[in-house]
Every structure is written in C-alpha cells, then in structure tokens.
C-alpha cells in the first residue's frame, strides 16, 4: 500500500490513548484500530477532519505517500 497512516505517531506525540481518541472522535475502537494498523482501504473526509481536530494536526501529518 502506498498510503501510510501515521495515526500511531500522532497519538504518541499527543500522548493520547486509543480509548481517548475514540471518545473524542466518536469512532469505534475497532475502526480506529483498522486505521492505526494500516488495514483501512478508505477514509471519509469527515473522519479525517475529526481526527485532525482531536489530534490538533493537519491531514498530511496523518497520511503519507510512499512509492
């Protein structure tokens, strides 16, 4: 997969647990886990926006393209 999700990196920088992020973003733990492990095939803009707000970051901080 060429798109890398750096959710775990941003969570560590913000010292935020998966449970805490789940509550703030209103996403199930299983869906967050799928995103965190890079197994997600897609992400909604509304989800990306909520994650950015909760983690105080930009979309580029969470998503990375690698060849």
Protein backbone atom coordinates (compact mmCIF):
# COMPACT_ATOMS: atom_id res chain seq x y z
CA UNK A 1 0.00 0.00 0.00
CA UNK A 2 1.40 3.39 -0.97
CA UNK A 3 -0.59 5.47 1.52
CA UNK A 4 0.78 5.17 5.05
CA UNK A 5 -1.41 6.15 8.03
CA UNK A 6 0.66 7.71 10.82
CA UNK A 7 -2.12 7.70 13.38
CA UNK A 8 0.00 5.92 15.99
CA UNK A 9 2.77 8.52 15.60
CA UNK A 10 0.39 11.44 16.15
CA UNK A 11 -1.28 9.69 19.09
CA UNK A 12 2.12 9.16 20.71
CA UNK A 13 3.10 12.81 20.15
CA UNK A 14 -0.15 13.94 21.78
CA UNK A 15 0.08 11.26 24.50
CA UNK A 16 -3.44 10.13 23.64
CA UNK A 17 -4.74 6.60 24.04
CA UNK A 18 -6.90 4.77 21.53
CA UNK A 19 -9.81 4.88 24.00
CA UNK A 20 -9.49 8.63 24.50
CA UNK A 21 -9.30 9.29 20.74
CA UNK A 22 -12.26 7.00 20.15
CA UNK A 23 -14.37 9.04 22.56
CA UNK A 24 -13.28 12.40 21.13
CA UNK A 25 -13.86 11.42 17.51
CA UNK A 26 -16.87 9.17 18.13
CA UNK A 27 -15.40 6.24 16.19
CA UNK A 28 -15.40 2.66 17.40
CA UNK A 29 -12.19 1.19 18.76
CA UNK A 30 -12.23 -1.45 16.04
CA UNK A 31 -12.43 1.16 13.26
CA UNK A 32 -9.63 3.20 14.83
CA UNK A 33 -7.55 0.06 15.16
CA UNK A 34 -8.07 -0.70 11.46
CA UNK A 35 -6.87 2.81 10.61
CA UNK A 36 -3.94 2.60 13.01
CA UNK A 37 -2.68 -0.70 11.62
CA UNK A 38 -2.95 0.50 8.02
CA UNK A 39 -5.59 -2.07 7.05
CA UNK A 40 -8.17 0.56 6.04
CA UNK A 41 -9.00 0.79 2.34
CA UNK A 42 -10.57 4.26 2.58
CA UNK A 43 -11.27 7.11 4.97
CA UNK A 44 -14.08 9.65 4.88
CA UNK A 45 -13.17 13.31 4.85
CA UNK A 46 -15.43 13.81 7.86
CA UNK A 47 -13.45 11.16 9.77
CA UNK A 48 -10.15 12.69 8.70
CA UNK A 49 -11.39 16.12 9.79
CA UNK A 50 -12.49 14.79 13.20
CA UNK A 51 -9.12 13.08 13.72
CA UNK A 52 -7.26 16.27 12.78
CA UNK A 53 -9.36 18.31 15.22
CA UNK A 54 -8.87 15.82 18.05
CA UNK A 55 -5.13 15.49 17.45
CA UNK A 56 -4.59 19.17 16.53
CA UNK A 57 -2.83 18.31 13.28
CA UNK A 58 -3.09 18.55 9.50
CA UNK A 59 -4.18 15.71 7.17
CA UNK A 60 -0.58 15.49 5.93
CA UNK A 61 0.52 14.65 9.47
CA UNK A 62 -1.70 11.56 9.41
CA UNK A 63 -1.35 10.43 5.79
CA UNK A 64 1.87 9.86 3.86
CA UNK A 65 2.51 8.66 0.30
CA UNK A 66 5.36 6.21 -0.35
CA UNK A 67 6.27 4.58 -3.63
